[in-house]
Amino acid sequence: MASTLTAEKLAQRAQDVNILTEQELQSVWSEFGTQNVELEPFKQALVRRGLLTNYQLDRLIENYRTGLVWRYMRKHPAIIRGLRRAGFTGGWLDEASSLQ
């Protein structure tokens, strides 16, 4: 069973994929006065401040819960070609050799 998504976990994932900066997150946390906030008010604050769209939030949450976005991207030929052209190798890219 997957762990429960929290505001802190969502913030970390958004930062990991470079769609939110530490400075942007700190400004949201300061609005609440803590990082220990419920997920819904946190999501609403991100959208209200224009830091993320509902679409971006949906993709982050879907990928957190099911891994669907990541699994799809790992199978997409254009993504595989682009990563290889950029010089990336190893891991799942080596397993994707049939999708060049």
Foldseek 3Di string as FASTA:
>chain_A
DADDDAQVNLVVLCVVVPLDDPVRVVVLCVVVVHSRDGNVVSVVSCVVVVSDPVVVSVVSVCCSVPVVVVVVLLQDLVNLVVCVVVPDDDDSSVVNVVSD
